Amino acid sequence: MKPYSSDAEHGQSADIEAIRIAVQVAAQKRANDCEALLSLLRQLEVLHRDIRETLFQESLPTNRQRLYHLLRDIEINGGWPYIQRMKLVELLKGVDPSLDPEASED
């Protein structure tokens, strides 16, 4: 079994960079279409969950040294990957700025 190594250690691989660009292009094509962007975000969330629950979990370290290297990589290179959901209040601010709770505290 090969020792743990990350894309961060070896630079971003070409296929991951191509995916990043493809997603950015897909988002730009839908720039003014809220429903299409929401659909794209949902697809990214499903993909994230699928990779995490299958391939990632299956590849987790099986010994302390590899676990240490993985945790060290997480600490050094930006933490755990997470897809944050927009809070409803943030969504509503776009609809009606007067609904911003921070703006009404004056």
Protein backbone atom coordinates (compact mmCIF):
# COMPACT_ATOMS: atom_id res chain seq x y z
CA MET A 1 0.00 0.00 0.00
CA LYS A 2 1.43 3.40 -0.94
CA PRO A 3 1.97 6.04 1.76
CA TYR A 4 -0.57 8.82 2.08
CA SER A 5 0.04 11.78 -0.23
CA SER A 6 -2.19 14.67 -1.13
CA ASP A 7 -2.68 16.86 -4.18
CA ALA A 8 -1.51 19.75 -2.01
CA GLU A 9 1.86 18.03 -1.53
CA HIS A 10 2.33 17.39 -5.24
CA GLY A 11 0.53 20.38 -6.70
CA GLN A 12 -2.98 20.34 -8.10
CA SER A 13 -3.31 17.48 -10.58
CA ALA A 14 -4.37 18.28 -14.13
CA ASP A 15 -7.68 16.39 -13.98
CA ILE A 16 -8.75 18.21 -10.82
CA GLU A 17 -7.82 21.54 -12.38
CA ALA A 18 -9.89 20.63 -15.46
CA ILE A 19 -12.86 19.84 -13.20
CA ARG A 20 -12.47 23.14 -11.38
CA ILE A 21 -12.45 25.02 -14.68
CA ALA A 22 -15.44 23.05 -16.04
CA VAL A 23 -17.49 23.84 -12.92
CA GLN A 24 -16.51 27.52 -13.11
CA VAL A 25 -17.53 27.65 -16.78
CA ALA A 26 -20.83 25.89 -16.01
CA ALA A 27 -21.52 28.41 -13.25
CA GLN A 28 -20.68 31.38 -15.47
CA LYS A 29 -23.02 30.09 -18.19
CA ARG A 30 -25.82 30.15 -15.61
CA ALA A 31 -24.80 33.47 -14.04
CA ASN A 32 -28.24 35.09 -14.16
CA ASP A 33 -30.32 31.94 -13.69
CA CYS A 34 -30.87 31.32 -9.96
CA GLU A 35 -32.63 27.98 -10.48
CA ALA A 36 -29.90 26.66 -12.78
CA LEU A 37 -27.21 27.73 -10.30
CA LEU A 38 -29.12 26.06 -7.49
CA SER A 39 -29.26 22.88 -9.56
CA LEU A 40 -25.50 23.07 -10.11
CA LEU A 41 -24.90 23.54 -6.38
CA ARG A 42 -27.12 20.55 -5.62
CA GLN A 43 -25.19 18.40 -8.08
CA LEU A 44 -21.90 19.45 -6.49
CA GLU A 45 -23.28 18.60 -3.05
CA VAL A 46 -24.39 15.15 -4.25
CA LEU A 47 -20.99 14.54 -5.83
CA HIS A 48 -19.22 15.68 -2.65
CA ARG A 49 -21.35 13.37 -0.49
CA ASP A 50 -20.90 10.43 -2.87
CA ILE A 51 -17.10 10.76 -2.94
CA ARG A 52 -16.95 11.23 0.84
CA GLU A 53 -19.20 8.28 1.67
CA THR A 54 -17.64 5.82 -0.75
CA LEU A 55 -14.16 6.33 -2.15
CA PHE A 56 -12.87 8.63 0.59
CA GLN A 57 -14.06 6.48 3.49
CA GLU A 58 -12.65 3.38 1.79
CA SER A 59 -9.26 5.08 1.46
CA LEU A 60 -8.95 6.24 5.07
CA PRO A 61 -5.66 5.36 6.78
CA THR A 62 -5.40 2.04 8.53
CA ASN A 63 -2.42 2.85 10.76
CA ARG A 64 -1.38 5.65 13.09
CA GLN A 65 1.41 7.02 10.91
CA ARG A 66 -0.82 7.43 7.86
CA LEU A 67 -3.59 8.87 10.04
CA TYR A 68 -1.14 11.40 11.47
CA HIS A 69 -0.08 12.44 7.94
CA LEU A 70 -3.72 12.82 6.88
CA LEU A 71 -4.60 14.90 9.95
CA ARG A 72 -1.47 17.00 9.46
CA ASP A 73 -2.45 17.64 5.83
CA ILE A 74 -5.95 18.66 6.92
CA GLU A 75 -4.49 21.05 9.49
CA ILE A 76 -1.90 22.60 7.16
CA ASN A 77 -3.94 22.81 3.95
CA GLY A 78 -7.21 24.33 5.02
CA GLY A 79 -9.21 21.93 7.09
CA TRP A 80 -11.97 19.53 6.22
CA PRO A 81 -13.78 20.00 2.89
CA TYR A 82 -17.26 21.26 3.52
CA ILE A 83 -20.02 22.56 1.30
CA GLN A 84 -21.72 25.31 3.25
CA ARG A 85 -25.38 25.97 2.65
CA MET A 86 -26.72 29.46 2.37
CA LYS A 87 -28.75 30.51 5.38
CA LEU A 88 -32.31 31.58 4.72
CA VAL A 89 -31.66 35.04 6.16
CA GLU A 90 -28.88 35.56 3.59
CA LEU A 91 -31.26 34.57 0.83
CA LEU A 92 -33.89 36.97 2.12
CA LYS A 93 -31.42 39.87 2.26
CA GLY A 94 -31.16 39.64 -1.52
CA VAL A 95 -34.92 39.89 -1.83
CA ASP A 96 -35.49 42.65 0.72
CA PRO A 97 -32.45 44.40 2.26
CA SER A 98 -34.67 45.70 5.08
CA LEU A 99 -34.80 42.12 6.40
CA ASP A 100 -31.11 42.31 7.34
CA PRO A 101 -31.08 41.96 11.15
CA GLU A 102 -27.76 43.84 11.41
CA ALA A 103 -29.15 46.83 9.48
CA SER A 104 -32.12 47.19 11.87
CA GLU A 105 -29.93 47.44 15.01
CA ASP A 106 -29.19 51.14 14.48
